[in-house]
Amino acid sequence: MSRRSRCACGWRGTKTYPIDWETVRENDDPDAYDTTGPYTEWETHLDDVAGRAVTLPEDLATLLGQVRERIDRLWLEEDKARACATMLKACDALETIVAQAGPEAAQVLGREQDEVAPAIAEALGTTEQAACTRLLHYQHLIWR
C-alpha cells in the first residue's frame, strides 16, 4: 500500500510513496508513516497555483496585513468590551468595502463566466466551482 498527494481542487500527485508498515507497527500508531514526500509534492502544487494567481499590489497587501495586525493587537487591550466593540466596528468598515467593491468586480467577471471560468479560477487560485461560488456570493450582495 502507498500514498499519493492530492488537493481539494482535484489535482493528484504523480508519484506514489510506499508506507513503511514496520515503523507503523513499531510505534503502534497508524499515523506513524512518513508523509514528507506527498506533503512536499502538495506544497509544490500550492506554490504553482499561487504563482499563477493574481497578486495583490504590494501597497494593498501591506495595508491588509497592517489591518490584520492592528485588529489582532486589540486583544491585548485591558478593556475587552471596548476592544471587541472596536473590532466589530472595523469589521463593519471592511464589510462595507466588500459590499461595494465585490459586486462590481463579480458583475464584470460574471458576464463572461461561462467562457472564462477556468481563467477566473486560475486568477483567484482556486477551483472553477469555488470561483463560481465566490462570484455568486458577491453578486448576491447587490440585493441585500
Protein backbone atom coordinates (compact mmCIF):
# COMPACT_ATOMS: atom_id res chain seq x y z
CA MET A 1 0.00 0.00 0.00
CA SER A 2 1.17 3.51 -0.77
CA ARG A 3 0.14 7.14 -0.54
CA ARG A 4 -0.19 9.81 -3.17
CA SER A 5 -0.66 13.51 -2.66
CA ARG A 6 -3.86 15.22 -3.72
CA CYS A 7 -5.62 18.54 -3.38
CA ALA A 8 -9.21 19.68 -2.92
CA CYS A 9 -9.03 21.26 -6.39
CA GLY A 10 -8.87 17.80 -7.96
CA TRP A 11 -5.11 17.71 -8.56
CA ARG A 12 -3.36 14.43 -7.81
CA GLY A 13 0.36 13.91 -7.43
CA THR A 14 2.22 11.81 -9.96
CA LYS A 15 4.36 9.85 -7.52
CA THR A 16 3.30 7.19 -5.07
CA TYR A 17 5.02 6.86 -1.71
CA PRO A 18 5.19 3.46 -0.01
CA ILE A 19 4.12 3.16 3.60
CA ASP A 20 6.69 1.61 5.93
CA TRP A 21 4.38 -0.70 7.87
CA GLU A 22 7.19 -1.82 10.18
CA THR A 23 7.50 1.74 11.51
CA VAL A 24 3.76 1.93 11.94
CA ARG A 25 3.69 -1.37 13.86
CA GLU A 26 6.72 -0.45 16.00
CA ASN A 27 5.11 2.80 17.11
CA ASP A 28 1.66 1.24 17.39
CA ASP A 29 0.46 4.36 15.61
CA PRO A 30 -1.50 4.23 12.35
CA ASP A 31 -0.29 7.78 11.61
CA ALA A 32 3.41 6.95 12.05
CA TYR A 33 4.16 6.71 8.36
CA ASP A 34 6.30 9.34 6.70
CA THR A 35 4.23 11.96 4.86
CA THR A 36 7.05 14.26 3.80
CA GLY A 37 7.05 13.08 0.16
CA PRO A 38 3.35 13.63 -0.56
CA TYR A 39 3.29 16.78 1.56
CA THR A 40 6.25 18.29 -0.30
CA GLU A 41 4.67 17.47 -3.65
CA TRP A 42 1.38 19.05 -2.50
CA GLU A 43 3.21 22.18 -1.30
CA THR A 44 4.85 22.46 -4.72
CA HIS A 45 1.41 22.24 -6.29
CA LEU A 46 0.14 25.03 -3.99
CA ASP A 47 3.14 27.19 -4.90
CA ASP A 48 2.38 26.61 -8.58
CA VAL A 49 -1.28 27.58 -8.08
CA ALA A 50 -0.28 30.69 -6.13
CA GLY A 51 2.24 31.59 -8.82
CA ARG A 52 -0.49 31.65 -11.48
CA ALA A 53 -2.97 33.57 -9.32
CA VAL A 54 -3.44 37.32 -9.46
CA THR A 55 -1.21 39.01 -6.92
CA LEU A 56 -2.34 41.93 -4.87
CA PRO A 57 -0.48 45.18 -5.40
CA GLU A 58 2.23 45.44 -2.77
CA ASP A 59 0.74 48.53 -1.11
CA LEU A 60 -2.68 46.85 -0.81
CA ALA A 61 -1.19 43.64 0.59
CA THR A 62 0.76 45.74 3.11
CA LEU A 63 -2.35 47.68 4.15
CA LEU A 64 -4.38 44.49 4.60
CA GLY A 65 -1.58 42.98 6.67
CA GLN A 66 -1.47 46.11 8.84
CA VAL A 67 -5.23 45.98 9.37
CA ARG A 68 -4.97 42.32 10.44
CA GLU A 69 -2.09 43.05 12.81
CA ARG A 70 -3.87 46.05 14.35
CA ILE A 71 -7.06 44.07 14.90
CA ASP A 72 -5.01 41.29 16.50
CA ARG A 73 -3.37 43.82 18.85
CA LEU A 74 -6.80 44.88 20.10
CA TRP A 75 -6.95 41.56 22.01
CA LEU A 76 -4.11 42.81 24.19
CA GLU A 77 -6.05 45.80 25.48
CA GLU A 78 -7.34 45.59 29.04
CA ASP A 79 -10.84 46.86 28.34
CA LYS A 80 -12.06 43.76 26.47
CA ALA A 81 -15.57 45.11 25.89
CA ARG A 82 -14.22 48.23 24.20
CA ALA A 83 -11.65 46.20 22.24
CA CYS A 84 -14.36 43.86 20.94
CA ALA A 85 -16.59 46.80 20.03
CA THR A 86 -13.67 48.33 18.13
CA MET A 87 -13.10 45.02 16.30
CA LEU A 88 -16.73 44.87 15.28
CA LYS A 89 -16.58 48.47 14.07
CA ALA A 90 -13.51 47.59 11.97
CA CYS A 91 -15.28 44.51 10.59
CA ASP A 92 -18.26 46.67 9.68
CA ALA A 93 -15.99 49.08 7.79
CA LEU A 94 -14.36 46.18 5.92
CA GLU A 95 -17.76 44.65 5.10
CA THR A 96 -18.88 47.99 3.66
CA ILE A 97 -15.87 48.00 1.35
CA VAL A 98 -16.54 44.37 0.35
CA ALA A 99 -20.24 45.09 -0.24
CA GLN A 100 -19.32 47.90 -2.62
CA ALA A 101 -16.30 46.51 -4.45
CA GLY A 102 -17.17 42.80 -4.54
CA PRO A 103 -20.41 43.03 -6.53
CA GLU A 104 -18.89 45.43 -9.07
CA ALA A 105 -16.00 43.09 -9.78
CA ALA A 106 -18.22 40.00 -9.73
CA GLN A 107 -20.66 41.52 -12.22
CA VAL A 108 -17.92 42.27 -14.72
CA LEU A 109 -16.38 38.82 -14.38
CA GLY A 110 -19.77 37.12 -14.15
CA ARG A 111 -20.87 38.35 -17.58
CA GLU A 112 -18.11 36.26 -19.12
CA GLN A 113 -18.17 33.49 -16.53
CA ASP A 114 -19.04 30.61 -18.87
CA GLU A 115 -16.34 31.43 -21.39
CA VAL A 116 -13.58 32.25 -18.93
CA ALA A 117 -14.38 30.15 -15.83
CA PRO A 118 -11.02 28.32 -15.95
CA ALA A 119 -9.13 31.62 -16.26
CA ILE A 120 -11.10 33.20 -13.40
CA ALA A 121 -10.43 30.17 -11.21
CA GLU A 122 -6.72 30.30 -12.02
CA ALA A 123 -6.56 34.04 -11.34
CA LEU A 124 -8.19 33.52 -7.94
CA GLY A 125 -6.00 30.49 -7.19
CA THR A 126 -8.95 28.17 -6.67
CA THR A 127 -11.18 25.63 -8.40
CA GLU A 128 -13.79 26.58 -11.02
CA GLN A 129 -16.57 25.58 -8.64
CA ALA A 130 -15.15 27.69 -5.80
CA ALA A 131 -14.62 30.66 -8.16
CA CYS A 132 -18.22 30.44 -9.39
CA THR A 133 -19.45 30.23 -5.80
CA ARG A 134 -17.42 33.32 -4.90
CA LEU A 135 -18.78 35.24 -7.90
CA LEU A 136 -22.34 34.31 -6.97
CA HIS A 137 -21.73 35.32 -3.36
CA TYR A 138 -20.56 38.78 -4.35
CA GLN A 139 -23.27 39.17 -6.99
CA HIS A 140 -25.91 38.44 -4.34
CA LEU A 141 -24.54 41.20 -2.09
CA ILE A 142 -26.14 43.65 -4.51
CA TRP A 143 -29.60 42.53 -3.40
CA ARG A 144 -29.03 42.90 0.34
